[in-house]
PDB file of N, CA and C in Angstrom:
ATOM      1  N   UNK A   1     -30.952 -15.778 -43.869  1.00  0.00           N
ATOM      2  CA  UNK A   1     -31.773 -15.187 -42.837  1.00  0.00           C
ATOM      3  C   UNK A   1     -31.532 -15.865 -41.489  1.00  0.00           C
ATOM      4  N   UNK A   2     -31.448 -17.202 -41.517  1.00  0.00           N
ATOM      5  CA  UNK A   2     -31.238 -17.931 -40.267  1.00  0.00           C
ATOM      6  C   UNK A   2     -29.845 -17.637 -39.688  1.00  0.00           C
ATOM      7  N   UNK A   3     -28.863 -17.373 -40.526  1.00  0.00           N
ATOM      8  CA  UNK A   3     -27.521 -17.029 -40.067  1.00  0.00           C
ATOM      9  C   UNK A   3     -27.534 -15.691 -39.325  1.00  0.00           C
ATOM     10  N   UNK A   4     -28.255 -14.742 -39.852  1.00  0.00           N
ATOM     11  CA  UNK A   4     -28.367 -13.434 -39.210  1.00  0.00           C
ATOM     12  C   UNK A   4     -29.075 -13.565 -37.870  1.00  0.00           C
ATOM     13  N   UNK A   5     -30.141 -14.339 -37.836  1.00  0.00           N
ATOM     14  CA  UNK A   5     -30.878 -14.560 -36.595  1.00  0.00           C
ATOM     15  C   UNK A   5     -29.993 -15.249 -35.547  1.00  0.00           C
ATOM     16  N   UNK A   6     -29.232 -16.242 -35.955  1.00  0.00           N
ATOM     17  CA  UNK A   6     -28.323 -16.926 -35.049  1.00  0.00           C
ATOM     18  C   UNK A   6     -27.266 -15.953 -34.516  1.00  0.00           C
ATOM     19  N   UNK A   7     -26.747 -15.104 -35.365  1.00  0.00           N
ATOM     20  CA  UNK A   7     -25.758 -14.108 -34.960  1.00  0.00           C
ATOM     21  C   UNK A   7     -26.336 -13.152 -33.916  1.00  0.00           C
ATOM     22  N   UNK A   8     -27.551 -12.697 -34.115  1.00  0.00           N
ATOM     23  CA  UNK A   8     -28.205 -11.787 -33.176  1.00  0.00           C
ATOM     24  C   UNK A   8     -28.425 -12.466 -31.828  1.00  0.00           C
ATOM     25  N   UNK A   9     -28.861 -13.704 -31.832  1.00  0.00           N
ATOM     26  CA  UNK A   9     -29.082 -14.445 -30.587  1.00  0.00           C
ATOM     27  C   UNK A   9     -27.766 -14.640 -29.839  1.00  0.00           C
ATOM     28  N   UNK A  10     -26.704 -15.013 -30.545  1.00  0.00           N
ATOM     29  CA  UNK A  10     -25.393 -15.184 -29.910  1.00  0.00           C
ATOM     30  C   UNK A  10     -24.877 -13.868 -29.349  1.00  0.00           C
ATOM     31  N   UNK A  11     -25.094 -12.807 -30.055  1.00  0.00           N
ATOM     32  CA  UNK A  11     -24.683 -11.489 -29.594  1.00  0.00           C
ATOM     33  C   UNK A  11     -25.419 -11.109 -28.308  1.00  0.00           C
ATOM     34  N   UNK A  12     -26.702 -11.392 -28.257  1.00  0.00           N
ATOM     35  CA  UNK A  12     -27.504 -11.116 -27.066  1.00  0.00           C
ATOM     36  C   UNK A  12     -26.979 -11.899 -25.860  1.00  0.00           C
ATOM     37  N   UNK A  13     -26.724 -13.200 -26.024  1.00  0.00           N
ATOM     38  CA  UNK A  13     -26.246 -14.017 -24.913  1.00  0.00           C
ATOM     39  C   UNK A  13     -24.849 -13.593 -24.467  1.00  0.00           C
ATOM     40  N   UNK A  14     -23.987 -13.239 -25.379  1.00  0.00           N
ATOM     41  CA  UNK A  14     -22.650 -12.769 -25.015  1.00  0.00           C
ATOM     42  C   UNK A  14     -22.750 -11.467 -24.227  1.00  0.00           C
ATOM     43  N   UNK A  15     -23.633 -10.583 -24.639  1.00  0.00           N
ATOM     44  CA  UNK A  15     -23.838  -9.316 -23.938  1.00  0.00           C
ATOM     45  C   UNK A  15     -24.335  -9.565 -22.520  1.00  0.00           C
ATOM     46  N   UNK A  16     -25.280 -10.450 -22.343  1.00  0.00           N
ATOM     47  CA  UNK A  16     -25.812 -10.780 -21.020  1.00  0.00           C
ATOM     48  C   UNK A  16     -24.738 -11.401 -20.145  1.00  0.00           C
ATOM     49  N   UNK A  17     -23.920 -12.289 -20.703  1.00  0.00           N
ATOM     50  CA  UNK A  17     -22.862 -12.939 -19.935  1.00  0.00           C
ATOM     51  C   UNK A  17     -21.834 -11.917 -19.453  1.00  0.00           C
ATOM     52  N   UNK A  18     -21.434 -10.999 -20.305  1.00  0.00           N
ATOM     53  CA  UNK A  18     -20.382 -10.052 -19.937  1.00  0.00           C
ATOM     54  C   UNK A  18     -20.857  -9.033 -18.908  1.00  0.00           C
ATOM     55  N   UNK A  19     -22.147  -8.698 -18.855  1.00  0.00           N
ATOM     56  CA  UNK A  19     -22.632  -7.721 -17.878  1.00  0.00           C
ATOM     57  C   UNK A  19     -23.039  -8.359 -16.561  1.00  0.00           C
ATOM     58  N   UNK A  20     -23.199  -9.674 -16.511  1.00  0.00           N
ATOM     59  CA  UNK A  20     -23.639 -10.342 -15.286  1.00  0.00           C
ATOM     60  C   UNK A  20     -22.541 -11.192 -14.656  1.00  0.00           C
ATOM     61  N   UNK A  21     -21.285 -10.809 -14.832  1.00  0.00           N
ATOM     62  CA  UNK A  21     -20.178 -11.554 -14.238  1.00  0.00           C
ATOM     63  C   UNK A  21     -20.081 -11.248 -12.751  1.00  0.00           C
ATOM     64  N   UNK A  22     -19.574 -12.202 -12.000  1.00  0.00           N
ATOM     65  CA  UNK A  22     -19.335 -11.983 -10.578  1.00  0.00           C
ATOM     66  C   UNK A  22     -18.002 -11.263 -10.421  1.00  0.00           C
ATOM     67  N   UNK A  23     -17.705 -10.694  -9.211  1.00  0.00           N
ATOM     68  CA  UNK A  23     -16.424 -10.012  -9.016  1.00  0.00           C
ATOM     69  C   UNK A  23     -15.213 -10.900  -9.295  1.00  0.00           C
ATOM     70  N   UNK A  24     -15.337 -12.206  -9.073  1.00  0.00           N
ATOM     71  CA  UNK A  24     -14.216 -13.103  -9.338  1.00  0.00           C
ATOM     72  C   UNK A  24     -13.953 -13.257 -10.829  1.00  0.00           C
ATOM     73  N   UNK A  25     -14.939 -13.029 -11.669  1.00  0.00           N
ATOM     74  CA  UNK A  25     -14.783 -13.160 -13.106  1.00  0.00           C
ATOM     75  C   UNK A  25     -14.519 -11.810 -13.765  1.00  0.00           C
ATOM     76  N   UNK A  26     -14.690 -10.736 -13.041  1.00  0.00           N
ATOM     77  CA  UNK A  26     -14.533  -9.414 -13.627  1.00  0.00           C
ATOM     78  C   UNK A  26     -13.071  -9.138 -13.927  1.00  0.00           C
ATOM     79  N   UNK A  27     -12.855  -8.189 -14.774  1.00  0.00           N
ATOM     80  CA  UNK A  27     -11.518  -7.773 -15.145  1.00  0.00           C
ATOM     81  C   UNK A  27     -10.947  -6.878 -14.055  1.00  0.00           C
ATOM     82  N   UNK A  28      -9.628  -6.903 -13.897  1.00  0.00           N
ATOM     83  CA  UNK A  28      -8.976  -6.142 -12.834  1.00  0.00           C
ATOM     84  C   UNK A  28      -8.048  -5.088 -13.425  1.00  0.00           C
ATOM     85  N   UNK A  29      -8.105  -3.889 -12.852  1.00  0.00           N
ATOM     86  CA  UNK A  29      -7.176  -2.807 -13.171  1.00  0.00           C
ATOM     87  C   UNK A  29      -6.414  -2.438 -11.914  1.00  0.00           C
ATOM     88  N   UNK A  30      -5.206  -1.922 -12.086  1.00  0.00           N
ATOM     89  CA  UNK A  30      -4.443  -1.394 -10.964  1.00  0.00           C
ATOM     90  C   UNK A  30      -4.155   0.064 -11.233  1.00  0.00           C
ATOM     91  N   UNK A  31      -4.182   0.866 -10.186  1.00  0.00           N
ATOM     92  CA  UNK A  31      -3.903   2.279 -10.342  1.00  0.00           C
ATOM     93  C   UNK A  31      -4.037   2.999  -9.022  1.00  0.00           C
ATOM     94  N   UNK A  32      -4.191   4.298  -9.113  1.00  0.00           N
ATOM     95  CA  UNK A  32      -4.272   5.148  -7.932  1.00  0.00           C
ATOM     96  C   UNK A  32      -5.631   5.838  -7.895  1.00  0.00           C
ATOM     97  N   UNK A  33      -6.249   5.872  -6.726  1.00  0.00           N
ATOM     98  CA  UNK A  33      -7.562   6.494  -6.540  1.00  0.00           C
ATOM     99  C   UNK A  33      -7.403   7.994  -6.348  1.00  0.00           C
ATOM    100  N   UNK A  34      -8.236   8.754  -7.047  1.00  0.00           N
ATOM    101  CA  UNK A  34      -8.330  10.202  -6.867  1.00  0.00           C
ATOM    102  C   UNK A  34      -9.776  10.506  -6.501  1.00  0.00           C
ATOM    103  N   UNK A  35      -9.978  11.167  -5.361  1.00  0.00           N
ATOM    104  CA  UNK A  35     -11.314  11.557  -4.929  1.00  0.00           C
ATOM    105  C   UNK A  35     -11.348  13.077  -4.821  1.00  0.00           C
ATOM    106  N   UNK A  36     -12.068  13.712  -5.747  1.00  0.00           N
ATOM    107  CA  UNK A  36     -12.176  15.177  -5.769  1.00  0.00           C
ATOM    108  C   UNK A  36     -13.546  15.582  -6.270  1.00  0.00           C
ATOM    109  N   UNK A  37     -14.061  16.660  -5.715  1.00  0.00           N
ATOM    110  CA  UNK A  37     -15.327  17.249  -6.164  1.00  0.00           C
ATOM    111  C   UNK A  37     -16.471  16.242  -6.196  1.00  0.00           C
ATOM    112  N   UNK A  38     -16.498  15.309  -5.247  1.00  0.00           N
ATOM    113  CA  UNK A  38     -17.567  14.330  -5.174  1.00  0.00           C
ATOM    114  C   UNK A  38     -17.478  13.228  -6.208  1.00  0.00           C
ATOM    115  N   UNK A  39     -16.394  13.148  -6.940  1.00  0.00           N
ATOM    116  CA  UNK A  39     -16.200  12.122  -7.965  1.00  0.00           C
ATOM    117  C   UNK A  39     -14.994  11.270  -7.597  1.00  0.00           C
ATOM    118  N   UNK A  40     -14.944  10.055  -8.149  1.00  0.00           N
ATOM    119  CA  UNK A  40     -13.828   9.147  -7.898  1.00  0.00           C
ATOM    120  C   UNK A  40     -13.230   8.756  -9.240  1.00  0.00           C
ATOM    121  N   UNK A  41     -11.902   8.851  -9.346  1.00  0.00           N
ATOM    122  CA  UNK A  41     -11.187   8.547 -10.579  1.00  0.00           C
ATOM    123  C   UNK A  41     -10.107   7.518 -10.305  1.00  0.00           C
ATOM    124  N   UNK A  42      -9.699   6.818 -11.350  1.00  0.00           N
ATOM    125  CA  UNK A  42      -8.586   5.881 -11.284  1.00  0.00           C
ATOM    126  C   UNK A  42      -7.515   6.368 -12.246  1.00  0.00           C
ATOM    127  N   UNK A  43      -6.313   6.604 -11.718  1.00  0.00           N
ATOM    128  CA  UNK A  43      -5.167   6.983 -12.541  1.00  0.00           C
ATOM    129  C   UNK A  43      -4.387   5.703 -12.811  1.00  0.00           C
ATOM    130  N   UNK A  44      -4.279   5.345 -14.088  1.00  0.00           N
ATOM    131  CA  UNK A  44      -3.605   4.104 -14.464  1.00  0.00           C
ATOM    132  C   UNK A  44      -2.150   4.328 -14.861  1.00  0.00           C
ATOM    133  N   UNK A  45      -1.689   5.554 -14.791  1.00  0.00           N
ATOM    134  CA  UNK A  45      -0.334   5.917 -15.185  1.00  0.00           C
ATOM    135  C   UNK A  45       0.662   5.451 -14.124  1.00  0.00           C
ATOM    136  N   UNK A  46       1.645   4.597 -14.490  1.00  0.00           N
ATOM    137  CA  UNK A  46       2.621   4.120 -13.495  1.00  0.00           C
ATOM    138  C   UNK A  46       3.553   5.221 -12.985  1.00  0.00           C
ATOM    139  N   UNK A  47       3.632   6.348 -13.690  1.00  0.00           N
ATOM    140  CA  UNK A  47       4.485   7.462 -13.278  1.00  0.00           C
ATOM    141  C   UNK A  47       3.755   8.456 -12.376  1.00  0.00           C
ATOM    142  N   UNK A  48       2.597   8.067 -11.849  1.00  0.00           N
ATOM    143  CA  UNK A  48       1.796   8.945 -11.004  1.00  0.00           C
ATOM    144  C   UNK A  48       2.564   9.330  -9.738  1.00  0.00           C
ATOM    145  N   UNK A  49       2.504  10.611  -9.397  1.00  0.00           N
ATOM    146  CA  UNK A  49       3.131  11.131  -8.187  1.00  0.00           C
ATOM    147  C   UNK A  49       2.010  11.344  -7.169  1.00  0.00           C
ATOM    148  N   UNK A  50       2.071  10.654  -6.031  1.00  0.00           N
ATOM    149  CA  UNK A  50       0.973  10.668  -5.064  1.00  0.00           C
ATOM    150  C   UNK A  50       0.659  12.058  -4.529  1.00  0.00           C
ATOM    151  N   UNK A  51       1.632  12.939  -4.422  1.00  0.00           N
ATOM    152  CA  UNK A  51       1.376  14.304  -3.950  1.00  0.00           C
ATOM    153  C   UNK A  51       0.449  15.071  -4.893  1.00  0.00           C
ATOM    154  N   UNK A  52       0.439  14.695  -6.182  1.00  0.00           N
ATOM    155  CA  UNK A  52      -0.435  15.353  -7.152  1.00  0.00           C
ATOM    156  C   UNK A  52      -1.906  15.148  -6.837  1.00  0.00           C
ATOM    157  N   UNK A  53      -2.251  14.055  -6.137  1.00  0.00           N
ATOM    158  CA  UNK A  53      -3.651  13.755  -5.808  1.00  0.00           C
ATOM    159  C   UNK A  53      -4.278  14.889  -5.009  1.00  0.00           C
ATOM    160  N   UNK A  54      -3.520  15.515  -4.137  1.00  0.00           N
ATOM    161  CA  UNK A  54      -4.051  16.586  -3.307  1.00  0.00           C
ATOM    162  C   UNK A  54      -3.734  17.980  -3.850  1.00  0.00           C
ATOM    163  N   UNK A  55      -2.672  18.103  -4.622  1.00  0.00           N
ATOM    164  CA  UNK A  55      -2.225  19.412  -5.089  1.00  0.00           C
ATOM    165  C   UNK A  55      -2.907  19.889  -6.363  1.00  0.00           C
ATOM    166  N   UNK A  56      -3.151  18.990  -7.315  1.00  0.00           N
ATOM    167  CA  UNK A  56      -3.656  19.385  -8.628  1.00  0.00           C
ATOM    168  C   UNK A  56      -5.173  19.271  -8.730  1.00  0.00           C
ATOM    169  N   UNK A  57      -5.762  20.093  -9.592  1.00  0.00           N
ATOM    170  CA  UNK A  57      -7.201  19.995  -9.867  1.00  0.00           C
ATOM    171  C   UNK A  57      -7.452  18.819 -10.806  1.00  0.00           C
ATOM    172  N   UNK A  58      -8.716  18.449 -10.970  1.00  0.00           N
ATOM    173  CA  UNK A  58      -9.078  17.352 -11.875  1.00  0.00           C
ATOM    174  C   UNK A  58      -8.611  17.656 -13.299  1.00  0.00           C
ATOM    175  N   UNK A  59      -8.801  18.885 -13.763  1.00  0.00           N
ATOM    176  CA  UNK A  59      -8.386  19.255 -15.114  1.00  0.00           C
ATOM    177  C   UNK A  59      -6.870  19.099 -15.283  1.00  0.00           C
ATOM    178  N   UNK A  60      -6.107  19.536 -14.276  1.00  0.00           N
ATOM    179  CA  UNK A  60      -4.649  19.397 -14.348  1.00  0.00           C
ATOM    180  C   UNK A  60      -4.232  17.923 -14.313  1.00  0.00           C
ATOM    181  N   UNK A  61      -4.914  17.128 -13.501  1.00  0.00           N
ATOM    182  CA  UNK A  61      -4.624  15.698 -13.439  1.00  0.00           C
ATOM    183  C   UNK A  61      -4.931  15.017 -14.771  1.00  0.00           C
ATOM    184  N   UNK A  62      -6.048  15.375 -15.410  1.00  0.00           N
ATOM    185  CA  UNK A  62      -6.407  14.793 -16.717  1.00  0.00           C
ATOM    186  C   UNK A  62      -5.372  15.114 -17.781  1.00  0.00           C
ATOM    187  N   UNK A  63      -4.840  16.345 -17.742  1.00  0.00           N
ATOM    188  CA  UNK A  63      -3.817  16.712 -18.729  1.00  0.00           C
ATOM    189  C   UNK A  63      -2.514  15.954 -18.494  1.00  0.00           C
ATOM    190  N   UNK A  64      -2.217  15.660 -17.248  1.00  0.00           N
ATOM    191  CA  UNK A  64      -0.935  15.052 -16.894  1.00  0.00           C
ATOM    192  C   UNK A  64      -0.957  13.515 -16.929  1.00  0.00           C
ATOM    193  N   UNK A  65      -2.112  12.902 -16.596  1.00  0.00           N
ATOM    194  CA  UNK A  65      -2.189  11.450 -16.458  1.00  0.00           C
ATOM    195  C   UNK A  65      -3.369  10.870 -17.226  1.00  0.00           C
ATOM    196  N   UNK A  66      -3.279   9.548 -17.489  1.00  0.00           N
ATOM    197  CA  UNK A  66      -4.405   8.812 -18.073  1.00  0.00           C
ATOM    198  C   UNK A  66      -5.338   8.439 -16.926  1.00  0.00           C
ATOM    199  N   UNK A  67      -6.573   8.940 -16.960  1.00  0.00           N
ATOM    200  CA  UNK A  67      -7.533   8.723 -15.876  1.00  0.00           C
ATOM    201  C   UNK A  67      -8.855   8.205 -16.408  1.00  0.00           C
ATOM    202  N   UNK A  68      -9.546   7.464 -15.564  1.00  0.00           N
ATOM    203  CA  UNK A  68     -10.903   7.014 -15.861  1.00  0.00           C
ATOM    204  C   UNK A  68     -11.777   7.316 -14.653  1.00  0.00           C
ATOM    205  N   UNK A  69     -13.019   7.657 -14.919  1.00  0.00           N
ATOM    206  CA  UNK A  69     -13.976   7.933 -13.850  1.00  0.00           C
ATOM    207  C   UNK A  69     -14.563   6.602 -13.389  1.00  0.00           C
ATOM    208  N   UNK A  70     -14.709   6.435 -12.070  1.00  0.00           N
ATOM    209  CA  UNK A  70     -15.262   5.198 -11.528  1.00  0.00           C
ATOM    210  C   UNK A  70     -16.738   5.378 -11.203  1.00  0.00           C
ATOM    211  N   UNK A  71     -17.544   4.429 -11.614  1.00  0.00           N
ATOM    212  CA  UNK A  71     -18.970   4.395 -11.310  1.00  0.00           C
ATOM    213  C   UNK A  71     -19.137   3.356 -10.213  1.00  0.00           C
ATOM    214  N   UNK A  72     -19.326   3.845  -8.976  1.00  0.00           N
ATOM    215  CA  UNK A  72     -19.361   2.977  -7.806  1.00  0.00           C
ATOM    216  C   UNK A  72     -20.752   2.985  -7.207  1.00  0.00           C
ATOM    217  N   UNK A  73     -21.295   1.795  -7.003  1.00  0.00           N
ATOM    218  CA  UNK A  73     -22.590   1.664  -6.334  1.00  0.00           C
ATOM    219  C   UNK A  73     -22.319   1.267  -4.893  1.00  0.00           C
ATOM    220  N   UNK A  74     -22.789   2.066  -3.963  1.00  0.00           N
ATOM    221  CA  UNK A  74     -22.605   1.770  -2.550  1.00  0.00           C
ATOM    222  C   UNK A  74     -21.393   2.466  -1.965  1.00  0.00           C
ATOM    223  N   UNK A  75     -21.620   3.209  -0.905  1.00  0.00           N
ATOM    224  CA  UNK A  75     -20.560   3.980  -0.262  1.00  0.00           C
ATOM    225  C   UNK A  75     -19.522   3.068   0.382  1.00  0.00           C
ATOM    226  N   UNK A  76     -19.914   1.904   0.840  1.00  0.00           N
ATOM    227  CA  UNK A  76     -19.005   0.988   1.529  1.00  0.00           C
ATOM    228  C   UNK A  76     -17.864   0.488   0.666  1.00  0.00           C
ATOM    229  N   UNK A  77     -17.997   0.582  -0.627  1.00  0.00           N
ATOM    230  CA  UNK A  77     -16.959   0.120  -1.538  1.00  0.00           C
ATOM    231  C   UNK A  77     -15.648   0.861  -1.312  1.00  0.00           C
ATOM    232  N   UNK A  78     -15.721   2.137  -0.927  1.00  0.00           N
ATOM    233  CA  UNK A  78     -14.529   2.960  -0.727  1.00  0.00           C
ATOM    234  C   UNK A  78     -14.047   2.983   0.723  1.00  0.00           C
ATOM    235  N   UNK A  79     -14.651   2.211   1.591  1.00  0.00           N
ATOM    236  CA  UNK A  79     -14.276   2.211   3.003  1.00  0.00           C
ATOM    237  C   UNK A  79     -12.803   1.834   3.156  1.00  0.00           C
ATOM    238  N   UNK A  80     -12.037   2.691   3.837  1.00  0.00           N
ATOM    239  CA  UNK A  80     -10.626   2.436   4.084  1.00  0.00           C
ATOM    240  C   UNK A  80      -9.698   2.880   2.964  1.00  0.00           C
ATOM    241  N   UNK A  81     -10.240   3.375   1.861  1.00  0.00           N
ATOM    242  CA  UNK A  81      -9.425   3.832   0.730  1.00  0.00           C
ATOM    243  C   UNK A  81      -9.164   5.322   0.887  1.00  0.00           C
ATOM    244  N   UNK A  82      -7.907   5.726   0.719  1.00  0.00           N
ATOM    245  CA  UNK A  82      -7.526   7.129   0.858  1.00  0.00           C
ATOM    246  C   UNK A  82      -7.151   7.724  -0.489  1.00  0.00           C
ATOM    247  N   UNK A  83      -7.283   9.044  -0.599  1.00  0.00           N
ATOM    248  CA  UNK A  83      -6.935   9.767  -1.817  1.00  0.00           C
ATOM    249  C   UNK A  83      -5.460   9.540  -2.157  1.00  0.00           C
ATOM    250  N   UNK A  84      -5.175   9.118  -3.405  1.00  0.00           N
ATOM    251  CA  UNK A  84      -3.812   8.882  -3.859  1.00  0.00           C
ATOM    252  C   UNK A  84      -3.292   7.482  -3.598  1.00  0.00           C
ATOM    253  N   UNK A  85      -4.106   6.630  -2.971  1.00  0.00           N
ATOM    254  CA  UNK A  85      -3.684   5.280  -2.612  1.00  0.00           C
ATOM    255  C   UNK A  85      -3.706   4.348  -3.818  1.00  0.00           C
ATOM    256  N   UNK A  86      -2.751   3.411  -3.874  1.00  0.00           N
ATOM    257  CA  UNK A  86      -2.705   2.420  -4.948  1.00  0.00           C
ATOM    258  C   UNK A  86      -3.730   1.329  -4.648  1.00  0.00           C
ATOM    259  N   UNK A  87      -4.504   0.952  -5.667  1.00  0.00           N
ATOM    260  CA  UNK A  87      -5.592  -0.011  -5.488  1.00  0.00           C
ATOM    261  C   UNK A  87      -5.693  -0.969  -6.668  1.00  0.00           C
ATOM    262  N   UNK A  88      -6.427  -2.053  -6.433  1.00  0.00           N
ATOM    263  CA  UNK A  88      -6.894  -2.954  -7.495  1.00  0.00           C
ATOM    264  C   UNK A  88      -8.379  -2.695  -7.632  1.00  0.00           C
ATOM    265  N   UNK A  89      -8.854  -2.607  -8.859  1.00  0.00           N
ATOM    266  CA  UNK A  89     -10.265  -2.342  -9.130  1.00  0.00           C
ATOM    267  C   UNK A  89     -10.814  -3.462 -10.005  1.00  0.00           C
ATOM    268  N   UNK A  90     -11.846  -4.137  -9.512  1.00  0.00           N
ATOM    269  CA  UNK A  90     -12.565  -5.128 -10.307  1.00  0.00           C
ATOM    270  C   UNK A  90     -13.730  -4.410 -10.963  1.00  0.00           C
ATOM    271  N   UNK A  91     -13.928  -4.650 -12.240  1.00  0.00           N
ATOM    272  CA  UNK A  91     -15.012  -3.963 -12.935  1.00  0.00           C
ATOM    273  C   UNK A  91     -15.710  -4.893 -13.906  1.00  0.00           C
ATOM    274  N   UNK A  92     -16.924  -4.506 -14.258  1.00  0.00           N
ATOM    275  CA  UNK A  92     -17.720  -5.322 -15.173  1.00  0.00           C
ATOM    276  C   UNK A  92     -17.807  -4.724 -16.564  1.00  0.00           C
ATOM    277  N   UNK A  93     -17.596  -3.407 -16.662  1.00  0.00           N
ATOM    278  CA  UNK A  93     -17.792  -2.752 -17.967  1.00  0.00           C
ATOM    279  C   UNK A  93     -17.099  -1.388 -17.969  1.00  0.00           C
ATOM    280  N   UNK A  94     -16.603  -0.994 -19.138  1.00  0.00           N
ATOM    281  CA  UNK A  94     -16.077   0.356 -19.330  1.00  0.00           C
ATOM    282  C   UNK A  94     -16.949   1.037 -20.377  1.00  0.00           C
ATOM    283  N   UNK A  95     -17.574   2.138 -19.983  1.00  0.00           N
ATOM    284  CA  UNK A  95     -18.429   2.879 -20.896  1.00  0.00           C
ATOM    285  C   UNK A  95     -17.581   3.858 -21.698  1.00  0.00           C
ATOM    286  N   UNK A  96     -17.902   4.015 -22.958  1.00  0.00           N
ATOM    287  CA  UNK A  96     -17.154   4.930 -23.809  1.00  0.00           C
ATOM    288  C   UNK A  96     -17.611   6.357 -23.556  1.00  0.00           C
ATOM    289  N   UNK A  97     -16.743   7.124 -22.969  1.00  0.00           N
ATOM    290  CA  UNK A  97     -17.002   8.531 -22.697  1.00  0.00           C
ATOM    291  C   UNK A  97     -15.664   9.186 -22.437  1.00  0.00           C
ATOM    292  N   UNK A  98     -15.667  10.475 -22.177  1.00  0.00           N
ATOM    293  CA  UNK A  98     -14.431  11.149 -21.789  1.00  0.00           C
ATOM    294  C   UNK A  98     -14.639  11.830 -20.461  1.00  0.00           C
ATOM    295  N   UNK A  99     -13.926  11.455 -19.434  1.00  0.00           N
ATOM    296  CA  UNK A  99     -13.050  10.277 -19.394  1.00  0.00           C
ATOM    297  C   UNK A  99     -13.876   9.002 -19.389  1.00  0.00           C
ATOM    298  N   UNK A 100     -13.254   7.862 -19.681  1.00  0.00           N
ATOM    299  CA  UNK A 100     -13.954   6.590 -19.662  1.00  0.00           C
ATOM    300  C   UNK A 100     -14.605   6.365 -18.311  1.00  0.00           C
ATOM    301  N   UNK A 101     -15.754   5.738 -18.293  1.00  0.00           N
ATOM    302  CA  UNK A 101     -16.463   5.478 -17.036  1.00  0.00           C
ATOM    303  C   UNK A 101     -16.448   3.973 -16.795  1.00  0.00           C
ATOM    304  N   UNK A 102     -15.934   3.573 -15.631  1.00  0.00           N
ATOM    305  CA  UNK A 102     -15.761   2.163 -15.287  1.00  0.00           C
ATOM    306  C   UNK A 102     -16.803   1.760 -14.252  1.00  0.00           C
ATOM    307  N   UNK A 103     -17.578   0.689 -14.540  1.00  0.00           N
ATOM    308  CA  UNK A 103     -18.551   0.149 -13.580  1.00  0.00           C
ATOM    309  C   UNK A 103     -17.808  -0.770 -12.614  1.00  0.00           C
ATOM    310  N   UNK A 104     -17.609  -0.292 -11.392  1.00  0.00           N
ATOM    311  CA  UNK A 104     -16.808  -0.993 -10.391  1.00  0.00           C
ATOM    312  C   UNK A 104     -17.647  -2.013  -9.634  1.00  0.00           C
ATOM    313  N   UNK A 105     -17.065  -3.210  -9.438  1.00  0.00           N
ATOM    314  CA  UNK A 105     -17.718  -4.213  -8.617  1.00  0.00           C
ATOM    315  C   UNK A 105     -17.017  -4.386  -7.275  1.00  0.00           C
ATOM    316  N   UNK A 106     -15.701  -4.047  -7.212  1.00  0.00           N
ATOM    317  CA  UNK A 106     -14.949  -4.208  -5.970  1.00  0.00           C
ATOM    318  C   UNK A 106     -13.662  -3.373  -6.055  1.00  0.00           C
ATOM    319  N   UNK A 107     -13.247  -2.793  -4.919  1.00  0.00           N
ATOM    320  CA  UNK A 107     -11.975  -2.064  -4.828  1.00  0.00           C
ATOM    321  C   UNK A 107     -11.229  -2.595  -3.618  1.00  0.00           C
ATOM    322  N   UNK A 108      -9.924  -2.803  -3.802  1.00  0.00           N
ATOM    323  CA  UNK A 108      -9.086  -3.311  -2.718  1.00  0.00           C
ATOM    324  C   UNK A 108      -7.770  -2.556  -2.708  1.00  0.00           C
ATOM    325  N   UNK A 109      -7.337  -2.098  -1.530  1.00  0.00           N
ATOM    326  CA  UNK A 109      -6.057  -1.381  -1.448  1.00  0.00           C
ATOM    327  C   UNK A 109      -4.919  -2.366  -1.602  1.00  0.00           C
ATOM    328  N   UNK A 110      -3.798  -1.840  -2.075  1.00  0.00           N
ATOM    329  CA  UNK A 110      -2.610  -2.678  -2.291  1.00  0.00           C
ATOM    330  C   UNK A 110      -1.532  -2.346  -1.278  1.00  0.00           C
TER     331      UNK A 110
END
């Protein structure tokens, strides 16, 4: 019984630690930003063609590339970022959904 209780407590603390990381401790992804229909996506496919960002619909982009939806708090996070631009994205968590939803802590152009 005490082993199970210890496991639950450790699980709780690990969960709290992973969700409360600072941007310097967060994990980093690189990819291309897609902004369409009021949503922001990250294309992680290295074969991404930048012209596709403006030409293709979201559905066509999803079929062609591996994409994740970005969950961004604060409009200032995207300041200076353009559609199709290569970026680094710091994030704290990836939610399981289709497409995956990434909790962004910082975005920086490359």
